C-alpha atoms as a PDB file:
ATOM      1  CA  MET A   1      63.632  -1.101  23.506  1.00  0.00           C
ATOM      2  CA  HIS A   2      65.607  -3.916  22.163  1.00  0.00           C
ATOM      3  CA  PHE A   3      62.545  -6.094  21.495  1.00  0.00           C
ATOM      4  CA  ARG A   4      61.003  -3.469  19.273  1.00  0.00           C
ATOM      5  CA  LYS A   5      64.042  -3.316  17.074  1.00  0.00           C
ATOM      6  CA  THR A   6      64.370  -7.000  16.750  1.00  0.00           C
ATOM      7  CA  ALA A   7      60.622  -7.377  15.982  1.00  0.00           C
ATOM      8  CA  THR A   8      61.177  -5.056  13.118  1.00  0.00           C
ATOM      9  CA  LEU A   9      63.922  -7.112  11.835  1.00  0.00           C
ATOM     10  CA  LEU A  10      61.645  -9.938  12.128  1.00  0.00           C
ATOM     11  CA  ALA A  11      58.795  -8.481  10.206  1.00  0.00           C
ATOM     12  CA  LEU A  12      61.261  -7.675   7.358  1.00  0.00           C
ATOM     13  CA  ALA A  13      62.294 -11.377   7.407  1.00  0.00           C
ATOM     14  CA  LEU A  14      58.669 -12.513   7.262  1.00  0.00           C
ATOM     15  CA  CYS A  15      57.607 -10.120   4.614  1.00  0.00           C
ATOM     16  CA  VAL A  16      59.931 -11.882   1.921  1.00  0.00           C
ATOM     17  CA  ALA A  17      58.655 -15.309   2.707  1.00  0.00           C
ATOM     18  CA  GLY A  18      55.636 -17.054   1.056  1.00  0.00           C
ATOM     19  CA  THR A  19      52.149 -16.511   2.273  1.00  0.00           C
ATOM     20  CA  GLY A  20      51.647 -19.857   3.805  1.00  0.00           C
ATOM     21  CA  CYS A  21      47.823 -19.392   4.169  1.00  0.00           C
ATOM     22  CA  LYS A  22      44.987 -21.670   3.274  1.00  0.00           C
ATOM     23  CA  GLN A  23      41.639 -20.883   1.907  1.00  0.00           C
ATOM     24  CA  GLN A  24      38.657 -21.866   4.158  1.00  0.00           C
ATOM     25  CA  ALA A  25      34.886 -21.327   3.964  1.00  0.00           C
ATOM     26  CA  GLY A  26      33.358 -18.922   6.430  1.00  0.00           C
ATOM     27  CA  GLY A  27      32.288 -20.062   9.844  1.00  0.00           C
ATOM     28  CA  GLU A  28      33.739 -20.613  13.435  1.00  0.00           C
ATOM     29  CA  ALA A  29      35.707 -23.859  12.768  1.00  0.00           C
ATOM     30  CA  LYS A  30      38.826 -24.029  14.961  1.00  0.00           C
ATOM     31  CA  LYS A  31      40.881 -26.477  12.793  1.00  0.00           C
ATOM     32  CA  ASP A  32      41.418 -27.221   8.982  1.00  0.00           C
ATOM     33  CA  LYS A  33      43.514 -29.689   7.286  1.00  0.00           C
ATOM     34  CA  GLY A  34      46.508 -27.532   7.977  1.00  0.00           C
ATOM     35  CA  GLY A  35      46.264 -27.495  11.811  1.00  0.00           C
ATOM     36  CA  VAL A  36      44.721 -25.229  14.301  1.00  0.00           C
ATOM     37  CA  VAL A  37      43.546 -21.836  12.959  1.00  0.00           C
ATOM     38  CA  LEU A  38      45.312 -18.878  14.493  1.00  0.00           C
ATOM     39  CA  ALA A  39      43.769 -16.023  12.384  1.00  0.00           C
ATOM     40  CA  GLU A  40      41.079 -15.747   9.529  1.00  0.00           C
ATOM     41  CA  VAL A  41      41.723 -13.260   7.106  1.00  0.00           C
ATOM     42  CA  ASN A  42      38.878 -12.529   4.559  1.00  0.00           C
ATOM     43  CA  GLY A  43      38.197 -16.339   4.340  1.00  0.00           C
ATOM     44  CA  ALA A  44      41.952 -17.318   4.161  1.00  0.00           C
ATOM     45  CA  THR A  45      43.316 -18.880   7.335  1.00  0.00           C
ATOM     46  CA  ILE A  46      46.669 -18.891   9.074  1.00  0.00           C
ATOM     47  CA  THR A  47      47.320 -22.066  11.073  1.00  0.00           C
ATOM     48  CA  ASP A  48      49.878 -23.191  13.718  1.00  0.00           C
ATOM     49  CA  ALA A  49      51.307 -25.176  10.978  1.00  0.00           C
ATOM     50  CA  ASP A  50      51.966 -21.957   8.903  1.00  0.00           C
ATOM     51  CA  PHE A  51      53.485 -20.300  12.038  1.00  0.00           C
ATOM     52  CA  TYR A  52      55.935 -23.125  12.843  1.00  0.00           C
ATOM     53  CA  LYS A  53      56.957 -23.172   9.184  1.00  0.00           C
ATOM     54  CA  GLU A  54      57.674 -19.366   9.331  1.00  0.00           C
ATOM     55  CA  GLN A  55      59.461 -19.829  12.682  1.00  0.00           C
ATOM     56  CA  GLU A  56      61.698 -22.592  11.403  1.00  0.00           C
ATOM     57  CA  ASN A  57      62.829 -20.525   8.526  1.00  0.00           C
ATOM     58  CA  LEU A  58      63.813 -17.563  10.512  1.00  0.00           C
ATOM     59  CA  PRO A  59      67.631 -16.829  11.136  1.00  0.00           C
ATOM     60  CA  PRO A  60      68.717 -18.566  14.560  1.00  0.00           C
ATOM     61  CA  TYR A  61      69.127 -15.196  16.319  1.00  0.00           C
ATOM     62  CA  LEU A  62      65.595 -14.287  15.664  1.00  0.00           C
ATOM     63  CA  LYS A  63      63.879 -17.635  16.720  1.00  0.00           C
ATOM     64  CA  PRO A  64      64.049 -17.011  20.445  1.00  0.00           C
ATOM     65  CA  MET A  65      62.144 -13.818  20.204  1.00  0.00           C
ATOM     66  CA  THR A  66      59.224 -15.521  18.737  1.00  0.00           C
ATOM     67  CA  GLU A  67      58.887 -17.955  21.648  1.00  0.00           C
ATOM     68  CA  THR A  68      57.592 -15.084  23.958  1.00  0.00           C
ATOM     69  CA  ALA A  69      53.959 -14.232  24.216  1.00  0.00           C
ATOM     70  CA  ASP A  70      54.699 -10.789  22.717  1.00  0.00           C
ATOM     71  CA  GLY A  71      56.957 -12.382  19.931  1.00  0.00           C
ATOM     72  CA  LYS A  72      54.283 -14.686  18.841  1.00  0.00           C
ATOM     73  CA  LYS A  73      51.728 -11.900  18.764  1.00  0.00           C
ATOM     74  CA  GLU A  74      54.080  -9.837  16.675  1.00  0.00           C
ATOM     75  CA  MET A  75      54.794 -12.543  14.213  1.00  0.00           C
ATOM     76  CA  LEU A  76      51.182 -13.509  13.766  1.00  0.00           C
ATOM     77  CA  ASP A  77      50.344  -9.865  13.117  1.00  0.00           C
ATOM     78  CA  THR A  78      52.982  -9.699  10.534  1.00  0.00           C
ATOM     79  CA  MET A  79      51.515 -12.656   8.763  1.00  0.00           C
ATOM     80  CA  VAL A  80      48.090 -11.244   8.819  1.00  0.00           C
ATOM     81  CA  VAL A  81      49.328  -7.955   7.379  1.00  0.00           C
ATOM     82  CA  ARG A  82      51.127  -9.672   4.882  1.00  0.00           C
ATOM     83  CA  GLU A  83      48.016 -11.739   3.905  1.00  0.00           C
ATOM     84  CA  LEU A  84      45.854  -8.514   3.673  1.00  0.00           C
ATOM     85  CA  ILE A  85      48.583  -7.090   1.227  1.00  0.00           C
ATOM     86  CA  MET A  86      48.617 -10.309  -0.885  1.00  0.00           C
ATOM     87  CA  GLN A  87      44.904 -10.350  -1.121  1.00  0.00           C
ATOM     88  CA  GLN A  88      44.823  -6.543  -2.174  1.00  0.00           C
ATOM     89  CA  ALA A  89      47.550  -6.948  -4.738  1.00  0.00           C
ATOM     90  CA  GLN A  90      45.508  -9.760  -6.270  1.00  0.00           C
ATOM     91  CA  LYS A  91      42.420  -7.674  -6.348  1.00  0.00           C
ATOM     92  CA  ASP A  92      44.477  -4.973  -8.251  1.00  0.00           C
ATOM     93  CA  GLY A  93      45.866  -7.568 -10.612  1.00  0.00           C
ATOM     94  CA  ILE A  94      49.549  -7.261  -9.501  1.00  0.00           C
ATOM     95  CA  ASP A  95      50.035 -10.965  -9.440  1.00  0.00           C
ATOM     96  CA  LYS A  96      49.190 -11.137 -13.361  1.00  0.00           C
ATOM     97  CA  SER A  97      51.382  -8.304 -14.265  1.00  0.00           C
ATOM     98  CA  PRO A  98      54.299  -9.155 -16.746  1.00  0.00           C
ATOM     99  CA  ALA A  99      56.927  -7.793 -14.119  1.00  0.00           C
ATOM    100  CA  VAL A 100      55.740 -10.242 -11.678  1.00  0.00           C
ATOM    101  CA  ALA A 101      55.581 -13.028 -13.923  1.00  0.00           C
ATOM    102  CA  ALA A 102      59.127 -12.435 -15.323  1.00  0.00           C
ATOM    103  CA  LYS A 103      60.374 -12.453 -11.553  1.00  0.00           C
ATOM    104  CA  LEU A 104      58.505 -15.578 -10.849  1.00  0.00           C
ATOM    105  CA  GLU A 105      60.035 -17.353 -13.774  1.00  0.00           C
ATOM    106  CA  ASP A 106      63.593 -16.018 -12.708  1.00  0.00           C
ATOM    107  CA  LEU A 107      62.802 -17.337  -9.256  1.00  0.00           C
ATOM    108  CA  ARG A 108      61.646 -20.578 -10.418  1.00  0.00           C
ATOM    109  CA  LYS A 109      64.912 -21.297 -12.429  1.00  0.00           C
ATOM    110  CA  ARG A 110      67.072 -20.129  -9.594  1.00  0.00           C
ATOM    111  CA  VAL A 111      65.178 -22.451  -7.052  1.00  0.00           C
ATOM    112  CA  ILE A 112      65.707 -25.516  -9.500  1.00  0.00           C
ATOM    113  CA  VAL A 113      69.287 -24.671 -10.082  1.00  0.00           C
ATOM    114  CA  GLU A 114      70.023 -24.294  -6.352  1.00  0.00           C
ATOM    115  CA  ALA A 115      68.309 -27.640  -5.621  1.00  0.00           C
ATOM    116  CA  PHE A 116      70.307 -29.442  -8.404  1.00  0.00           C
ATOM    117  CA  LEU A 117      73.602 -28.035  -7.206  1.00  0.00           C
ATOM    118  CA  LYS A 118      72.802 -28.967  -3.605  1.00  0.00           C
ATOM    119  CA  LYS A 119      72.302 -32.500  -4.674  1.00  0.00           C
ATOM    120  CA  LYS A 120      75.134 -32.713  -7.164  1.00  0.00           C
ATOM    121  CA  VAL A 121      77.645 -30.767  -5.208  1.00  0.00           C
ATOM    122  CA  GLU A 122      76.950 -30.304  -1.528  1.00  0.00           C
ATOM    123  CA  GLU A 123      75.765 -33.905  -1.126  1.00  0.00           C
ATOM    124  CA  SER A 124      78.128 -35.450  -3.620  1.00  0.00           C
ATOM    125  CA  ALA A 125      81.413 -33.589  -2.453  1.00  0.00           C
ATOM    126  CA  ASN A 126      81.480 -35.643   0.673  1.00  0.00           C
ATOM    127  CA  VAL A 127      84.803 -35.534   2.785  1.00  0.00           C
ATOM    128  CA  SER A 128      86.010 -38.942   3.929  1.00  0.00           C
ATOM    129  CA  ASP A 129      87.269 -39.620   7.407  1.00  0.00           C
ATOM    130  CA  ALA A 130      90.554 -40.507   5.521  1.00  0.00           C
ATOM    131  CA  ASP A 131      90.764 -37.085   3.916  1.00  0.00           C
ATOM    132  CA  LEU A 132      90.151 -35.674   7.536  1.00  0.00           C
ATOM    133  CA  GLN A 133      92.869 -37.711   9.001  1.00  0.00           C
ATOM    134  CA  ALA A 134      95.376 -36.952   6.345  1.00  0.00           C
ATOM    135  CA  PHE A 135      94.887 -33.153   6.759  1.00  0.00           C
ATOM    136  CA  TYR A 136      95.112 -33.693  10.560  1.00  0.00           C
ATOM    137  CA  LYS A 137      98.434 -35.394  10.343  1.00  0.00           C
ATOM    138  CA  LYS A 138      99.822 -32.838   7.765  1.00  0.00           C
ATOM    139  CA  ASN A 139      98.931 -29.849  10.005  1.00  0.00           C
ATOM    140  CA  GLU A 140      99.122 -31.279  13.457  1.00  0.00           C
ATOM    141  CA  ASP A 141     101.150 -28.368  14.695  1.00  0.00           C
ATOM    142  CA  LYS A 142      98.288 -26.023  13.954  1.00  0.00           C
ATOM    143  CA  PHE A 143      96.190 -27.594  16.400  1.00  0.00           C
ATOM    144  CA  LYS A 144      98.412 -26.839  19.444  1.00  0.00           C
ATOM    145  CA  THR A 145      96.699 -24.448  21.780  1.00  0.00           C
ATOM    146  CA  GLY A 146      97.147 -22.989  25.246  1.00  0.00           C
ATOM    147  CA  ASP A 147      94.683 -23.614  28.291  1.00  0.00           C
ATOM    148  CA  GLN A 148      91.058 -23.404  27.004  1.00  0.00           C
ATOM    149  CA  ILE A 149      87.674 -23.173  28.538  1.00  0.00           C
ATOM    150  CA  ARG A 150      84.200 -23.717  27.094  1.00  0.00           C
ATOM    151  CA  ALA A 151      81.588 -21.284  28.470  1.00  0.00           C
ATOM    152  CA  SER A 152      78.109 -20.244  27.910  1.00  0.00           C
ATOM    153  CA  HIS A 153      76.635 -16.655  28.808  1.00  0.00           C
ATOM    154  CA  ILE A 154      73.298 -14.726  28.929  1.00  0.00           C
ATOM    155  CA  LEU A 155      73.830 -11.044  27.857  1.00  0.00           C
ATOM    156  CA  VAL A 156      71.042  -8.505  28.665  1.00  0.00           C
ATOM    157  CA  LYS A 157      71.150  -4.733  28.250  1.00  0.00           C
ATOM    158  CA  THR A 158      70.262  -3.573  31.806  1.00  0.00           C
ATOM    159  CA  GLU A 159      71.317  -4.680  35.406  1.00  0.00           C
ATOM    160  CA  PRO A 160      67.644  -5.159  36.552  1.00  0.00           C
ATOM    161  CA  GLU A 161      67.296  -7.775  33.836  1.00  0.00           C
ATOM    162  CA  ALA A 162      70.421  -9.545  34.740  1.00  0.00           C
ATOM    163  CA  LYS A 163      69.315  -9.601  38.476  1.00  0.00           C
ATOM    164  CA  GLU A 164      65.952 -10.994  37.328  1.00  0.00           C
ATOM    165  CA  ILE A 165      67.834 -13.857  35.452  1.00  0.00           C
ATOM    166  CA  GLU A 166      70.000 -14.347  38.313  1.00  0.00           C
ATOM    167  CA  LYS A 167      67.057 -14.747  40.645  1.00  0.00           C
ATOM    168  CA  GLN A 168      65.576 -17.160  38.394  1.00  0.00           C
ATOM    169  CA  LEU A 169      68.937 -19.423  37.945  1.00  0.00           C
ATOM    170  CA  LYS A 170      68.939 -19.432  41.882  1.00  0.00           C
ATOM    171  CA  GLY A 171      65.257 -20.601  41.723  1.00  0.00           C
ATOM    172  CA  GLY A 172      66.101 -23.780  39.635  1.00  0.00           C
ATOM    173  CA  ALA A 173      65.753 -22.378  36.106  1.00  0.00           C
ATOM    174  CA  LYS A 174      67.854 -23.997  33.469  1.00  0.00           C
ATOM    175  CA  PHE A 175      70.691 -21.665  32.108  1.00  0.00           C
ATOM    176  CA  GLU A 176      70.195 -22.885  28.536  1.00  0.00           C
ATOM    177  CA  ASP A 177      66.636 -21.989  28.630  1.00  0.00           C
ATOM    178  CA  LEU A 178      67.063 -18.505  30.003  1.00  0.00           C
ATOM    179  CA  ALA A 179      69.722 -17.835  27.373  1.00  0.00           C
ATOM    180  CA  LYS A 180      67.414 -18.843  24.535  1.00  0.00           C
ATOM    181  CA  LYS A 181      64.633 -16.602  25.840  1.00  0.00           C
ATOM    182  CA  ASN A 182      66.455 -13.658  27.107  1.00  0.00           C
ATOM    183  CA  SER A 183      70.050 -13.353  25.804  1.00  0.00           C
ATOM    184  CA  ILE A 184      70.510 -10.676  23.037  1.00  0.00           C
ATOM    185  CA  ASP A 185      73.844 -12.287  21.945  1.00  0.00           C
ATOM    186  CA  GLY A 186      74.026 -14.359  18.667  1.00  0.00           C
ATOM    187  CA  ALA A 187      74.624 -17.449  20.861  1.00  0.00           C
ATOM    188  CA  ALA A 188      71.306 -17.436  22.363  1.00  0.00           C
ATOM    189  CA  ALA A 189      69.832 -20.053  19.912  1.00  0.00           C
ATOM    190  CA  LYS A 190      72.462 -22.385  21.214  1.00  0.00           C
ATOM    191  CA  GLY A 191      71.715 -21.882  24.757  1.00  0.00           C
ATOM    192  CA  GLY A 192      74.414 -19.221  25.093  1.00  0.00           C
ATOM    193  CA  ASP A 193      77.146 -21.549  24.244  1.00  0.00           C
ATOM    194  CA  LEU A 194      80.240 -19.734  23.083  1.00  0.00           C
ATOM    195  CA  GLY A 195      82.345 -22.965  22.348  1.00  0.00           C
ATOM    196  CA  TRP A 196      85.909 -23.410  23.245  1.00  0.00           C
ATOM    197  CA  PHE A 197      88.253 -20.312  23.502  1.00  0.00           C
ATOM    198  CA  GLY A 198      91.684 -19.511  25.031  1.00  0.00           C
ATOM    199  CA  LYS A 199      92.838 -16.392  26.756  1.00  0.00           C
ATOM    200  CA  GLY A 200      93.013 -13.285  24.497  1.00  0.00           C
ATOM    201  CA  SER A 201      89.832 -14.125  22.598  1.00  0.00           C
ATOM    202  CA  MET A 202      87.347 -12.258  24.875  1.00  0.00           C
ATOM    203  CA  LEU A 203      86.839  -8.981  26.517  1.00  0.00           C
ATOM    204  CA  PRO A 204      89.375  -8.743  29.405  1.00  0.00           C
ATOM    205  CA  ASP A 205      86.602  -8.101  32.042  1.00  0.00           C
ATOM    206  CA  PHE A 206      84.666 -11.350  30.811  1.00  0.00           C
ATOM    207  CA  GLU A 207      87.651 -13.343  30.271  1.00  0.00           C
ATOM    208  CA  LYS A 208      88.987 -12.725  33.742  1.00  0.00           C
ATOM    209  CA  VAL A 209      85.781 -14.070  35.354  1.00  0.00           C
ATOM    210  CA  ALA A 210      85.166 -16.921  32.857  1.00  0.00           C
ATOM    211  CA  PHE A 211      88.585 -18.381  33.407  1.00  0.00           C
ATOM    212  CA  SER A 212      88.232 -18.106  37.164  1.00  0.00           C
ATOM    213  CA  LEU A 213      85.109 -20.214  37.239  1.00  0.00           C
ATOM    214  CA  LYS A 214      85.189 -24.020  38.102  1.00  0.00           C
ATOM    215  CA  GLU A 215      83.655 -26.258  35.510  1.00  0.00           C
ATOM    216  CA  GLY A 216      79.783 -26.439  35.910  1.00  0.00           C
ATOM    217  CA  THR A 217      79.577 -23.269  38.084  1.00  0.00           C
ATOM    218  CA  THR A 218      77.901 -19.944  37.214  1.00  0.00           C
ATOM    219  CA  SER A 219      79.245 -16.380  37.777  1.00  0.00           C
ATOM    220  CA  GLY A 220      77.485 -13.337  39.206  1.00  0.00           C
ATOM    221  CA  ILE A 221      76.664 -10.346  36.941  1.00  0.00           C
ATOM    222  CA  VAL A 222      79.585  -9.240  34.793  1.00  0.00           C
ATOM    223  CA  GLN A 223      79.520  -5.799  33.125  1.00  0.00           C
ATOM    224  CA  THR A 224      81.347  -5.122  29.791  1.00  0.00           C
ATOM    225  CA  LYS A 225      80.716  -2.569  27.074  1.00  0.00           C
ATOM    226  CA  PHE A 226      78.187  -4.886  25.558  1.00  0.00           C
ATOM    227  CA  GLY A 227      75.788  -5.050  28.702  1.00  0.00           C
ATOM    228  CA  TYR A 228      75.410  -7.285  31.488  1.00  0.00           C
ATOM    229  CA  HIS A 229      76.537 -11.006  31.337  1.00  0.00           C
ATOM    230  CA  ILE A 230      75.999 -14.138  33.495  1.00  0.00           C
ATOM    231  CA  ILE A 231      78.674 -16.717  32.647  1.00  0.00           C
ATOM    232  CA  LYS A 232      78.677 -20.492  33.047  1.00  0.00           C
ATOM    233  CA  ALA A 233      81.851 -22.595  32.743  1.00  0.00           C
ATOM    234  CA  THR A 234      80.918 -25.726  30.872  1.00  0.00           C
ATOM    235  CA  GLY A 235      84.262 -27.291  30.119  1.00  0.00           C
ATOM    236  CA  LYS A 236      88.116 -26.893  30.804  1.00  0.00           C
ATOM    237  CA  ARG A 237      91.131 -28.535  29.003  1.00  0.00           C
ATOM    238  CA  PRO A 238      94.840 -27.921  29.458  1.00  0.00           C
ATOM    239  CA  ALA A 239      97.380 -26.666  26.861  1.00  0.00           C
ATOM    240  CA  GLY A 240      98.569 -29.101  24.217  1.00  0.00           C
ATOM    241  CA  THR A 241      97.601 -30.654  20.936  1.00  0.00           C
ATOM    242  CA  ARG A 242      93.955 -31.054  20.341  1.00  0.00           C
ATOM    243  CA  SER A 243      92.998 -34.544  19.410  1.00  0.00           C
ATOM    244  CA  PHE A 244      91.544 -35.592  15.908  1.00  0.00           C
ATOM    245  CA  GLU A 245      88.132 -36.226  17.370  1.00  0.00           C
ATOM    246  CA  GLU A 246      88.029 -32.763  19.027  1.00  0.00           C
ATOM    247  CA  VAL A 247      88.941 -30.848  15.837  1.00  0.00           C
ATOM    248  CA  LYS A 248      87.285 -33.116  13.248  1.00  0.00           C
ATOM    249  CA  ASP A 249      84.339 -30.769  12.527  1.00  0.00           C
ATOM    250  CA  GLN A 250      86.673 -27.795  12.463  1.00  0.00           C
ATOM    251  CA  ILE A 251      88.838 -29.553   9.647  1.00  0.00           C
ATOM    252  CA  LYS A 252      85.675 -30.557   7.725  1.00  0.00           C
ATOM    253  CA  ALA A 253      84.363 -27.043   7.743  1.00  0.00           C
ATOM    254  CA  ALA A 254      87.807 -25.879   6.422  1.00  0.00           C
ATOM    255  CA  ILE A 255      88.296 -28.371   3.565  1.00  0.00           C
ATOM    256  CA  ALA A 256      84.618 -29.024   2.468  1.00  0.00           C
ATOM    257  CA  PRO A 257      84.329 -25.730   0.477  1.00  0.00           C
ATOM    258  CA  GLU A 258      87.490 -26.681  -1.540  1.00  0.00           C
ATOM    259  CA  LYS A 259      86.055 -30.140  -2.096  1.00  0.00           C
ATOM    260  CA  GLN A 260      82.838 -28.748  -3.306  1.00  0.00           C
ATOM    261  CA  GLN A 261      84.700 -26.218  -5.665  1.00  0.00           C
ATOM    262  CA  GLU A 262      86.385 -29.293  -7.290  1.00  0.00           C
ATOM    263  CA  THR A 263      83.153 -31.094  -7.632  1.00  0.00           C
ATOM    264  CA  PHE A 264      81.633 -28.191  -9.222  1.00  0.00           C
ATOM    265  CA  LYS A 265      84.375 -27.662 -11.608  1.00  0.00           C
ATOM    266  CA  LYS A 266      84.139 -31.214 -12.826  1.00  0.00           C
ATOM    267  CA  LEU A 267      80.208 -30.927 -13.038  1.00  0.00           C
ATOM    268  CA  LYS A 268      80.643 -27.933 -15.363  1.00  0.00           C
ATOM    269  CA  GLU A 269      83.219 -29.744 -17.561  1.00  0.00           C
ATOM    270  CA  ASP A 270      80.895 -32.758 -17.742  1.00  0.00           C
ATOM    271  CA  LEU A 271      77.851 -30.667 -18.569  1.00  0.00           C
ATOM    272  CA  LYS A 272      79.689 -28.812 -21.308  1.00  0.00           C
ATOM    273  CA  LYS A 273      81.264 -31.917 -22.832  1.00  0.00           C
ATOM    274  CA  ASP A 274      77.730 -33.485 -23.287  1.00  0.00           C
ATOM    275  CA  ALA A 275      76.158 -30.231 -24.695  1.00  0.00           C
ATOM    276  CA  LYS A 276      75.784 -28.755 -28.139  1.00  0.00           C
ATOM    277  CA  LEU A 277      77.225 -25.286 -27.458  1.00  0.00           C
ATOM    278  CA  SER A 278      77.835 -22.306 -29.747  1.00  0.00           C
ATOM    279  CA  ILE A 279      79.225 -19.181 -28.034  1.00  0.00           C
ATOM    280  CA  LYS A 280      78.961 -16.017 -30.291  1.00  0.00           C
ATOM    281  CA  GLU A 281      82.198 -14.378 -29.280  1.00  0.00           C
ATOM    282  CA  ASP A 282      81.576 -11.577 -31.714  1.00  0.00           C
ATOM    283  CA  ALA A 283      78.174 -10.744 -30.323  1.00  0.00           C
ATOM    284  CA  LEU A 284      79.515 -10.984 -26.849  1.00  0.00           C
ATOM    285  CA  LYS A 285      82.279  -8.432 -27.723  1.00  0.00           C
ATOM    286  CA  GLY A 286      79.649  -6.084 -29.192  1.00  0.00           C
ATOM    287  CA  LEU A 287      77.650  -5.881 -25.955  1.00  0.00           C
ATOM    288  CA  LYS A 288      77.369  -2.364 -24.688  1.00  0.00           C
ATOM    289  CA  ASN A 289      76.841  -1.340 -21.099  1.00  0.00           C
ATOM    290  CA  LYS A 290      73.069  -0.335 -21.613  1.00  0.00           C
ATOM    291  CA  GLY A 291      70.200  -0.033 -18.946  1.00  0.00           C
ATOM    292  CA  PRO A 292      67.448  -2.598 -18.809  1.00  0.00           C
ATOM    293  CA  GLU A 293      65.096  -0.439 -20.921  1.00  0.00           C
ATOM    294  CA  GLU A 294      67.773   0.319 -23.773  1.00  0.00           C
ATOM    295  CA  ALA A 295      68.705  -3.381 -23.774  1.00  0.00           C
ATOM    296  CA  LYS A 296      65.285  -4.676 -24.686  1.00  0.00           C
ATOM    297  CA  VAL A 297      65.453  -6.578 -27.966  1.00  0.00           C
ATOM    298  CA  GLU A 298      63.055  -5.105 -30.573  1.00  0.00           C
ATOM    299  CA  PRO A 299      60.555  -7.650 -31.770  1.00  0.00           C
ATOM    300  CA  ALA A 300      61.209  -9.181 -35.211  1.00  0.00           C
ATOM    301  CA  ALA A 301      57.842  -8.133 -36.474  1.00  0.00           C
ATOM    302  CA  ALA A 302      58.772  -4.597 -35.877  1.00  0.00           C
ATOM    303  CA  LYS A 303      62.092  -4.984 -37.720  1.00  0.00           C
ATOM    304  CA  ALA A 304      60.319  -6.429 -41.053  1.00  0.00           C
ATOM    305  CA  GLU A 305      59.613  -4.246 -43.730  1.00  0.00           C
ATOM    306  CA  PRO A 306      55.993  -3.313 -44.362  1.00  0.00           C
ATOM    307  CA  ALA A 307      54.171  -5.401 -46.723  1.00  0.00           C
ATOM    308  CA  LYS A 308      53.895  -3.975 -50.262  1.00  0.00           C
ATOM    309  CA  LYS A 309      50.508  -3.027 -51.268  1.00  0.00           C
ATOM    310  CA  PRO A 310      48.856  -4.883 -54.296  1.00  0.00           C
END
């Protein structure tokens, strides 16, 4: 069953996140300072705030699954099990082991470096409108396209599922809402939106129906090798050169990484210039390919000669 497979992925995603639970004294209280209590686990609580935080950190393609009743129950169960594991690990002293301490320190450094680079590189390497305009003018020929359409779709595995969704659409349900809740395609999180595309971009059976639709209309059930689709045409535009405004975001996504690379390169040079560095080239050349255990440095005390007896 598709949901079960997705739920397994969801559980894996959740198991690597933080615990997100707060300690609370016993009793029947329904709220604590973190929000409405969803579960109590040996005195610890899991609140709606914890749940929403976990949900927000999930990959876009998994979020819709947590909006169903079964999905919410599955995710809460995963959070409960993870809290039980954490509590047992603490009882066993795992959290105080040298190996865990070393990994936590490594993680702390990585998080700090990541936050620093995000601030200094991603946020500082802004691409100006002038840069975008210059790129557009220089590469205007690259933005010529044939007829294009913009479409959304809902993809399910079985025809009965598709018929039920079709029935709900005829009953007045919103296409985007049904796509988020039911579609098994990666575009589900965006309400099924596939963006703009030209002929030759999609499967022939899908494309034939999509291009035949009038803007704003919805197809019947369309079968392809991926399952059963219901398609909605949301826009049409004729062949020609796309305007700057239409491709502005596309250009930014293309040139931003290069801009960030330039900023990072300058950052490295500035940091090295102001630092007192001493690279031991001979020691570096002498490094051998050893495993972690072999590479451990022998403590200085162990190397020292034994003290002479008086």
